[in-house]
PDB file of N, CA and C in Angstrom:
ATOM      1  N   MET A   1       0.849  -1.168   0.000  1.00  0.00           N
ATOM      2  CA  MET A   1       0.000   0.000   0.000  1.00  0.00           C
ATOM      3  C   MET A   1       0.898   1.235   0.000  1.00  0.00           C
ATOM      4  N   SER A   2       0.590   2.181  -0.854  1.00  0.00           N
ATOM      5  CA  SER A   2       1.391   3.395  -0.878  1.00  0.00           C
ATOM      6  C   SER A   2       0.502   4.604  -0.654  1.00  0.00           C
ATOM      7  N   TYR A   3       1.093   5.633  -0.118  1.00  0.00           N
ATOM      8  CA  TYR A   3       0.369   6.858   0.172  1.00  0.00           C
ATOM      9  C   TYR A   3       1.066   8.007  -0.530  1.00  0.00           C
ATOM     10  N   LYS A   4       0.270   8.981  -0.958  1.00  0.00           N
ATOM     11  CA  LYS A   4       0.861  10.149  -1.607  1.00  0.00           C
ATOM     12  C   LYS A   4       1.701  10.921  -0.602  1.00  0.00           C
ATOM     13  N   LYS A   5       2.610  11.716  -1.126  1.00  0.00           N
ATOM     14  CA  LYS A   5       3.437  12.542  -0.252  1.00  0.00           C
ATOM     15  C   LYS A   5       2.551  13.527   0.492  1.00  0.00           C
ATOM     16  N   GLU A   6       2.833  13.722   1.753  1.00  0.00           N
ATOM     17  CA  GLU A   6       2.041  14.627   2.581  1.00  0.00           C
ATOM     18  C   GLU A   6       2.300  16.084   2.211  1.00  0.00           C
ATOM     19  N   SER A   7       1.224  16.842   2.079  1.00  0.00           N
ATOM     20  CA  SER A   7       1.352  18.279   1.850  1.00  0.00           C
ATOM     21  C   SER A   7       1.512  18.975   3.200  1.00  0.00           C
ATOM     22  N   LEU A   8       1.861  20.252   3.165  1.00  0.00           N
ATOM     23  CA  LEU A   8       1.969  21.030   4.400  1.00  0.00           C
ATOM     24  C   LEU A   8       0.628  21.032   5.141  1.00  0.00           C
ATOM     25  N   SER A   9      -0.475  21.137   4.398  1.00  0.00           N
ATOM     26  CA  SER A   9      -1.803  21.120   5.026  1.00  0.00           C
ATOM     27  C   SER A   9      -2.086  19.788   5.700  1.00  0.00           C
ATOM     28  N   ASP A  10      -1.662  18.677   5.072  1.00  0.00           N
ATOM     29  CA  ASP A  10      -1.822  17.353   5.686  1.00  0.00           C
ATOM     30  C   ASP A  10      -1.087  17.301   7.028  1.00  0.00           C
ATOM     31  N   VAL A  11       0.153  17.744   7.018  1.00  0.00           N
ATOM     32  CA  VAL A  11       0.976  17.717   8.235  1.00  0.00           C
ATOM     33  C   VAL A  11       0.359  18.598   9.315  1.00  0.00           C
ATOM     34  N   GLN A  12      -0.096  19.790   8.933  1.00  0.00           N
ATOM     35  CA  GLN A  12      -0.708  20.696   9.908  1.00  0.00           C
ATOM     36  C   GLN A  12      -1.974  20.091  10.496  1.00  0.00           C
ATOM     37  N   MET A  13      -2.776  19.429   9.665  1.00  0.00           N
ATOM     38  CA  MET A  13      -4.007  18.821  10.170  1.00  0.00           C
ATOM     39  C   MET A  13      -3.691  17.685  11.140  1.00  0.00           C
ATOM     40  N   HIS A  14      -2.708  16.857  10.812  1.00  0.00           N
ATOM     41  CA  HIS A  14      -2.324  15.774  11.706  1.00  0.00           C
ATOM     42  C   HIS A  14      -1.826  16.334  13.046  1.00  0.00           C
ATOM     43  N   CYS A  15      -1.031  17.382  12.983  1.00  0.00           N
ATOM     44  CA  CYS A  15      -0.524  18.004  14.221  1.00  0.00           C
ATOM     45  C   CYS A  15      -1.659  18.597  15.051  1.00  0.00           C
ATOM     46  N   ALA A  16      -2.596  19.277  14.397  1.00  0.00           N
ATOM     47  CA  ALA A  16      -3.734  19.869  15.114  1.00  0.00           C
ATOM     48  C   ALA A  16      -4.568  18.786  15.792  1.00  0.00           C
ATOM     49  N   ALA A  17      -4.795  17.678  15.098  1.00  0.00           N
ATOM     50  CA  ALA A  17      -5.571  16.573  15.672  1.00  0.00           C
ATOM     51  C   ALA A  17      -4.840  15.970  16.865  1.00  0.00           C
ATOM     52  N   MET A  18      -3.530  15.814  16.740  1.00  0.00           N
ATOM     53  CA  MET A  18      -2.734  15.216  17.809  1.00  0.00           C
ATOM     54  C   MET A  18      -2.662  16.133  19.031  1.00  0.00           C
ATOM     55  N   GLN A  19      -2.602  17.438  18.790  1.00  0.00           N
ATOM     56  CA  GLN A  19      -2.465  18.395  19.887  1.00  0.00           C
ATOM     57  C   GLN A  19      -3.807  18.880  20.427  1.00  0.00           C
ATOM     58  N   GLY A  20      -4.906  18.518  19.776  1.00  0.00           N
ATOM     59  CA  GLY A  20      -6.221  18.917  20.257  1.00  0.00           C
ATOM     60  C   GLY A  20      -6.615  20.331  19.892  1.00  0.00           C
ATOM     61  N   ASP A  21      -6.036  20.870  18.830  1.00  0.00           N
ATOM     62  CA  ASP A  21      -6.343  22.240  18.407  1.00  0.00           C
ATOM     63  C   ASP A  21      -7.486  22.224  17.391  1.00  0.00           C
ATOM     64  N   VAL A  22      -8.702  22.209  17.898  1.00  0.00           N
ATOM     65  CA  VAL A  22      -9.878  22.074  17.033  1.00  0.00           C
ATOM     66  C   VAL A  22     -10.066  23.293  16.123  1.00  0.00           C
ATOM     67  N   ASP A  23      -9.655  24.472  16.561  1.00  0.00           N
ATOM     68  CA  ASP A  23      -9.796  25.667  15.716  1.00  0.00           C
ATOM     69  C   ASP A  23      -8.933  25.561  14.458  1.00  0.00           C
ATOM     70  N   ILE A  24      -7.694  25.161  14.613  1.00  0.00           N
ATOM     71  CA  ILE A  24      -6.801  24.970  13.461  1.00  0.00           C
ATOM     72  C   ILE A  24      -7.323  23.829  12.593  1.00  0.00           C
ATOM     73  N   LEU A  25      -7.768  22.765  13.226  1.00  0.00           N
ATOM     74  CA  LEU A  25      -8.312  21.621  12.499  1.00  0.00           C
ATOM     75  C   LEU A  25      -9.473  22.058  11.600  1.00  0.00           C
ATOM     76  N   ARG A  26     -10.414  22.823  12.151  1.00  0.00           N
ATOM     77  CA  ARG A  26     -11.550  23.316  11.360  1.00  0.00           C
ATOM     78  C   ARG A  26     -11.088  24.196  10.201  1.00  0.00           C
ATOM     79  N   LYS A  27     -10.139  25.086  10.505  1.00  0.00           N
ATOM     80  CA  LYS A  27      -9.639  26.006   9.479  1.00  0.00           C
ATOM     81  C   LYS A  27      -9.044  25.225   8.301  1.00  0.00           C
ATOM     82  N   ILE A  28      -8.256  24.224   8.597  1.00  0.00           N
ATOM     83  CA  ILE A  28      -7.634  23.419   7.541  1.00  0.00           C
ATOM     84  C   ILE A  28      -8.691  22.646   6.761  1.00  0.00           C
ATOM     85  N   LEU A  29      -9.621  22.035   7.473  1.00  0.00           N
ATOM     86  CA  LEU A  29     -10.679  21.274   6.792  1.00  0.00           C
ATOM     87  C   LEU A  29     -11.554  22.190   5.944  1.00  0.00           C
ATOM     88  N   ASP A  30     -11.873  23.360   6.459  1.00  0.00           N
ATOM     89  CA  ASP A  30     -12.718  24.305   5.721  1.00  0.00           C
ATOM     90  C   ASP A  30     -12.019  24.880   4.495  1.00  0.00           C
ATOM     91  N   SER A  31     -10.686  24.825   4.466  1.00  0.00           N
ATOM     92  CA  SER A  31      -9.941  25.346   3.316  1.00  0.00           C
ATOM     93  C   SER A  31     -10.139  24.476   2.078  1.00  0.00           C
ATOM     94  N   GLY A  32     -10.497  23.204   2.288  1.00  0.00           N
ATOM     95  CA  GLY A  32     -10.678  22.287   1.169  1.00  0.00           C
ATOM     96  C   GLY A  32      -9.379  21.783   0.571  1.00  0.00           C
ATOM     97  N   LYS A  33      -8.255  22.082   1.200  1.00  0.00           N
ATOM     98  CA  LYS A  33      -6.950  21.685   0.670  1.00  0.00           C
ATOM     99  C   LYS A  33      -6.557  20.251   1.030  1.00  0.00           C
ATOM    100  N   VAL A  34      -7.280  19.671   1.957  1.00  0.00           N
ATOM    101  CA  VAL A  34      -6.897  18.348   2.452  1.00  0.00           C
ATOM    102  C   VAL A  34      -8.153  17.521   2.708  1.00  0.00           C
ATOM    103  N   HIS A  35      -8.045  16.217   2.508  1.00  0.00           N
ATOM    104  CA  HIS A  35      -9.156  15.305   2.754  1.00  0.00           C
ATOM    105  C   HIS A  35      -9.201  14.938   4.231  1.00  0.00           C
ATOM    106  N   VAL A  36     -10.385  14.830   4.773  1.00  0.00           N
ATOM    107  CA  VAL A  36     -10.565  14.547   6.202  1.00  0.00           C
ATOM    108  C   VAL A  36      -9.883  13.242   6.620  1.00  0.00           C
ATOM    109  N   ASP A  37      -9.761  12.290   5.701  1.00  0.00           N
ATOM    110  CA  ASP A  37      -9.126  11.007   6.002  1.00  0.00           C
ATOM    111  C   ASP A  37      -7.710  10.916   5.438  1.00  0.00           C
ATOM    112  N   SER A  38      -7.027  12.050   5.305  1.00  0.00           N
ATOM    113  CA  SER A  38      -5.657  11.998   4.778  1.00  0.00           C
ATOM    114  C   SER A  38      -4.803  11.151   5.712  1.00  0.00           C
ATOM    115  N   ARG A  39      -3.865  10.452   5.121  1.00  0.00           N
ATOM    116  CA  ARG A  39      -2.999   9.561   5.900  1.00  0.00           C
ATOM    117  C   ARG A  39      -1.563  10.036   5.826  1.00  0.00           C
ATOM    118  N   ASP A  40      -0.845   9.819   6.913  1.00  0.00           N
ATOM    119  CA  ASP A  40       0.575  10.127   6.887  1.00  0.00           C
ATOM    120  C   ASP A  40       1.317   8.950   6.269  1.00  0.00           C
ATOM    121  N   LYS A  41       2.633   9.007   6.268  1.00  0.00           N
ATOM    122  CA  LYS A  41       3.419   7.965   5.605  1.00  0.00           C
ATOM    123  C   LYS A  41       3.235   6.586   6.235  1.00  0.00           C
ATOM    124  N   GLU A  42       2.723   6.532   7.440  1.00  0.00           N
ATOM    125  CA  GLU A  42       2.473   5.263   8.123  1.00  0.00           C
ATOM    126  C   GLU A  42       1.004   4.852   8.068  1.00  0.00           C
ATOM    127  N   GLY A  43       0.198   5.643   7.377  1.00  0.00           N
ATOM    128  CA  GLY A  43      -1.214   5.311   7.228  1.00  0.00           C
ATOM    129  C   GLY A  43      -2.102   5.798   8.353  1.00  0.00           C
ATOM    130  N   THR A  44      -1.591   6.677   9.199  1.00  0.00           N
ATOM    131  CA  THR A  44      -2.361   7.174  10.327  1.00  0.00           C
ATOM    132  C   THR A  44      -3.219   8.355   9.897  1.00  0.00           C
ATOM    133  N   THR A  45      -4.489   8.342  10.279  1.00  0.00           N
ATOM    134  CA  THR A  45      -5.408   9.433   9.958  1.00  0.00           C
ATOM    135  C   THR A  45      -5.474  10.422  11.119  1.00  0.00           C
ATOM    136  N   PRO A  46      -5.957  11.632  10.859  1.00  0.00           N
ATOM    137  CA  PRO A  46      -6.151  12.588  11.952  1.00  0.00           C
ATOM    138  C   PRO A  46      -7.098  12.047  13.025  1.00  0.00           C
ATOM    139  N   LEU A  47      -8.113  11.308  12.635  1.00  0.00           N
ATOM    140  CA  LEU A  47      -9.052  10.739  13.612  1.00  0.00           C
ATOM    141  C   LEU A  47      -8.337   9.780  14.559  1.00  0.00           C
ATOM    142  N   ILE A  48      -7.456   8.962  14.030  1.00  0.00           N
ATOM    143  CA  ILE A  48      -6.696   8.037  14.870  1.00  0.00           C
ATOM    144  C   ILE A  48      -5.839   8.817  15.870  1.00  0.00           C
ATOM    145  N   LEU A  49      -5.180   9.868  15.386  1.00  0.00           N
ATOM    146  CA  LEU A  49      -4.325  10.684  16.266  1.00  0.00           C
ATOM    147  C   LEU A  49      -5.135  11.391  17.348  1.00  0.00           C
ATOM    148  N   ALA A  50      -6.259  11.968  16.952  1.00  0.00           N
ATOM    149  CA  ALA A  50      -7.096  12.680  17.923  1.00  0.00           C
ATOM    150  C   ALA A  50      -7.608  11.723  18.998  1.00  0.00           C
ATOM    151  N   ALA A  51      -8.086  10.563  18.587  1.00  0.00           N
ATOM    152  CA  ALA A  51      -8.621   9.592  19.545  1.00  0.00           C
ATOM    153  C   ALA A  51      -7.520   9.054  20.459  1.00  0.00           C
ATOM    154  N   ALA A  52      -6.364   8.751  19.895  1.00  0.00           N
ATOM    155  CA  ALA A  52      -5.261   8.187  20.678  1.00  0.00           C
ATOM    156  C   ALA A  52      -4.750   9.170  21.729  1.00  0.00           C
ATOM    157  N   ASN A  53      -4.917  10.454  21.464  1.00  0.00           N
ATOM    158  CA  ASN A  53      -4.434  11.476  22.394  1.00  0.00           C
ATOM    159  C   ASN A  53      -5.539  12.061  23.261  1.00  0.00           C
ATOM    160  N   GLY A  54      -6.734  11.470  23.197  1.00  0.00           N
ATOM    161  CA  GLY A  54      -7.829  11.912  24.060  1.00  0.00           C
ATOM    162  C   GLY A  54      -8.395  13.268  23.702  1.00  0.00           C
ATOM    163  N   ASN A  55      -8.241  13.682  22.457  1.00  0.00           N
ATOM    164  CA  ASN A  55      -8.736  14.983  22.006  1.00  0.00           C
ATOM    165  C   ASN A  55     -10.146  14.822  21.430  1.00  0.00           C
ATOM    166  N   TYR A  56     -11.097  14.687  22.336  1.00  0.00           N
ATOM    167  CA  TYR A  56     -12.450  14.303  21.954  1.00  0.00           C
ATOM    168  C   TYR A  56     -13.182  15.370  21.153  1.00  0.00           C
ATOM    169  N   GLU A  57     -12.873  16.640  21.360  1.00  0.00           N
ATOM    170  CA  GLU A  57     -13.490  17.685  20.560  1.00  0.00           C
ATOM    171  C   GLU A  57     -13.030  17.563  19.099  1.00  0.00           C
ATOM    172  N   CYS A  58     -11.771  17.228  18.902  1.00  0.00           N
ATOM    173  CA  CYS A  58     -11.259  17.005  17.549  1.00  0.00           C
ATOM    174  C   CYS A  58     -11.887  15.746  16.941  1.00  0.00           C
ATOM    175  N   VAL A  59     -12.035  14.701  17.742  1.00  0.00           N
ATOM    176  CA  VAL A  59     -12.691  13.480  17.262  1.00  0.00           C
ATOM    177  C   VAL A  59     -14.086  13.814  16.773  1.00  0.00           C
ATOM    178  N   GLN A  60     -14.844  14.544  17.570  1.00  0.00           N
ATOM    179  CA  GLN A  60     -16.211  14.912  17.194  1.00  0.00           C
ATOM    180  C   GLN A  60     -16.216  15.735  15.907  1.00  0.00           C
ATOM    181  N   GLU A  61     -15.332  16.703  15.803  1.00  0.00           N
ATOM    182  CA  GLU A  61     -15.266  17.548  14.606  1.00  0.00           C
ATOM    183  C   GLU A  61     -14.930  16.718  13.366  1.00  0.00           C
ATOM    184  N   LEU A  62     -13.959  15.838  13.482  1.00  0.00           N
ATOM    185  CA  LEU A  62     -13.576  14.994  12.351  1.00  0.00           C
ATOM    186  C   LEU A  62     -14.721  14.086  11.918  1.00  0.00           C
ATOM    187  N   LEU A  63     -15.425  13.504  12.880  1.00  0.00           N
ATOM    188  CA  LEU A  63     -16.572  12.657  12.538  1.00  0.00           C
ATOM    189  C   LEU A  63     -17.675  13.471  11.874  1.00  0.00           C
ATOM    190  N   GLU A  64     -17.929  14.667  12.377  1.00  0.00           N
ATOM    191  CA  GLU A  64     -18.944  15.528  11.767  1.00  0.00           C
ATOM    192  C   GLU A  64     -18.552  15.943  10.350  1.00  0.00           C
ATOM    193  N   GLN A  65     -17.253  16.023  10.094  1.00  0.00           N
ATOM    194  CA  GLN A  65     -16.760  16.404   8.773  1.00  0.00           C
ATOM    195  C   GLN A  65     -16.643  15.194   7.840  1.00  0.00           C
ATOM    196  N   GLY A  66     -17.029  14.015   8.330  1.00  0.00           N
ATOM    197  CA  GLY A  66     -17.074  12.834   7.473  1.00  0.00           C
ATOM    198  C   GLY A  66     -15.929  11.861   7.598  1.00  0.00           C
ATOM    199  N   ALA A  67     -15.109  11.977   8.627  1.00  0.00           N
ATOM    200  CA  ALA A  67     -14.003  11.033   8.809  1.00  0.00           C
ATOM    201  C   ALA A  67     -14.545   9.613   8.957  1.00  0.00           C
ATOM    202  N   ASP A  68     -13.828   8.669   8.400  1.00  0.00           N
ATOM    203  CA  ASP A  68     -14.225   7.263   8.433  1.00  0.00           C
ATOM    204  C   ASP A  68     -13.658   6.600   9.690  1.00  0.00           C
ATOM    205  N   PRO A  69     -14.519   6.239  10.641  1.00  0.00           N
ATOM    206  CA  PRO A  69     -14.030   5.636  11.888  1.00  0.00           C
ATOM    207  C   PRO A  69     -13.574   4.188  11.735  1.00  0.00           C
ATOM    208  N   THR A  70     -13.750   3.598  10.564  1.00  0.00           N
ATOM    209  CA  THR A  70     -13.346   2.205  10.368  1.00  0.00           C
ATOM    210  C   THR A  70     -11.928   2.070   9.825  1.00  0.00           C
ATOM    211  N   LEU A  71     -11.298   3.187   9.441  1.00  0.00           N
ATOM    212  CA  LEU A  71      -9.940   3.113   8.903  1.00  0.00           C
ATOM    213  C   LEU A  71      -8.967   2.746  10.008  1.00  0.00           C
ATOM    214  N   ARG A  72      -7.998   1.947   9.657  1.00  0.00           N
ATOM    215  CA  ARG A  72      -6.987   1.482  10.610  1.00  0.00           C
ATOM    216  C   ARG A  72      -5.606   1.901  10.124  1.00  0.00           C
ATOM    217  N   ARG A  73      -4.703   2.056  11.052  1.00  0.00           N
ATOM    218  CA  ARG A  73      -3.304   2.338  10.731  1.00  0.00           C
ATOM    219  C   ARG A  73      -2.680   1.065  10.183  1.00  0.00           C
ATOM    220  N   VAL A  74      -1.828   1.210   9.199  1.00  0.00           N
ATOM    221  CA  VAL A  74      -1.155   0.068   8.601  1.00  0.00           C
ATOM    222  C   VAL A  74       0.155  -0.164   9.333  1.00  0.00           C
ATOM    223  N   VAL A  75       0.315  -1.354   9.863  1.00  0.00           N
ATOM    224  CA  VAL A  75       1.555  -1.707  10.554  1.00  0.00           C
ATOM    225  C   VAL A  75       2.334  -2.619   9.623  1.00  0.00           C
ATOM    226  N   ARG A  76       3.522  -2.167   9.277  1.00  0.00           N
ATOM    227  CA  ARG A  76       4.359  -2.951   8.365  1.00  0.00           C
ATOM    228  C   ARG A  76       5.435  -3.671   9.164  1.00  0.00           C
ATOM    229  N   LYS A  77       5.727  -4.861   8.754  1.00  0.00           N
ATOM    230  CA  LYS A  77       6.830  -5.609   9.355  1.00  0.00           C
ATOM    231  C   LYS A  77       7.928  -5.718   8.318  1.00  0.00           C
ATOM    232  N   ASN A  78       9.140  -5.741   8.779  1.00  0.00           N
ATOM    233  CA  ASN A  78      10.255  -5.923   7.865  1.00  0.00           C
ATOM    234  C   ASN A  78      11.144  -7.048   8.355  1.00  0.00           C
ATOM    235  N   GLU A  79      12.226  -7.265   7.664  1.00  0.00           N
ATOM    236  CA  GLU A  79      13.096  -8.391   7.985  1.00  0.00           C
ATOM    237  C   GLU A  79      13.767  -8.270   9.351  1.00  0.00           C
ATOM    238  N   LEU A  80      13.722  -7.111   9.977  1.00  0.00           N
ATOM    239  CA  LEU A  80      14.324  -6.932  11.295  1.00  0.00           C
ATOM    240  C   LEU A  80      13.423  -7.389  12.435  1.00  0.00           C
ATOM    241  N   HIS A  81      12.148  -7.623  12.135  1.00  0.00           N
ATOM    242  CA  HIS A  81      11.226  -8.123  13.161  1.00  0.00           C
ATOM    243  C   HIS A  81      11.485  -9.619  13.389  1.00  0.00           C
ATOM    244  N   THR A  82      11.381 -10.037  14.614  1.00  0.00           N
ATOM    245  CA  THR A  82      11.511 -11.462  14.905  1.00  0.00           C
ATOM    246  C   THR A  82      10.125 -12.053  15.081  1.00  0.00           C
ATOM    247  N   TYR A  83      10.008 -13.296  14.801  1.00  0.00           N
ATOM    248  CA  TYR A  83       8.737 -14.005  14.895  1.00  0.00           C
ATOM    249  C   TYR A  83       8.861 -15.149  15.879  1.00  0.00           C
ATOM    250  N   ASP A  84       7.827 -15.348  16.661  1.00  0.00           N
ATOM    251  CA  ASP A  84       7.820 -16.462  17.620  1.00  0.00           C
ATOM    252  C   ASP A  84       7.244 -17.689  16.967  1.00  0.00           C
TER     253      ASP A  84
END
């Protein structure tokens, strides 16, 4: 699975969701420059970041803006991982 390169707006939205800054989050979403379910290079969405950091106002805003709550972060394994 590959993801497009993150734009500055993508990065700002992820940071706002992680830090709980709902005003910045709304501003970025309202600009139309970024999709509500944009993913970072690891497949993490703003909704995942907001929820993981307990930023419930951001979670609510993202859901109201159409974020998909069923999306999951992609965990990749490489040859350095050991298996039991």
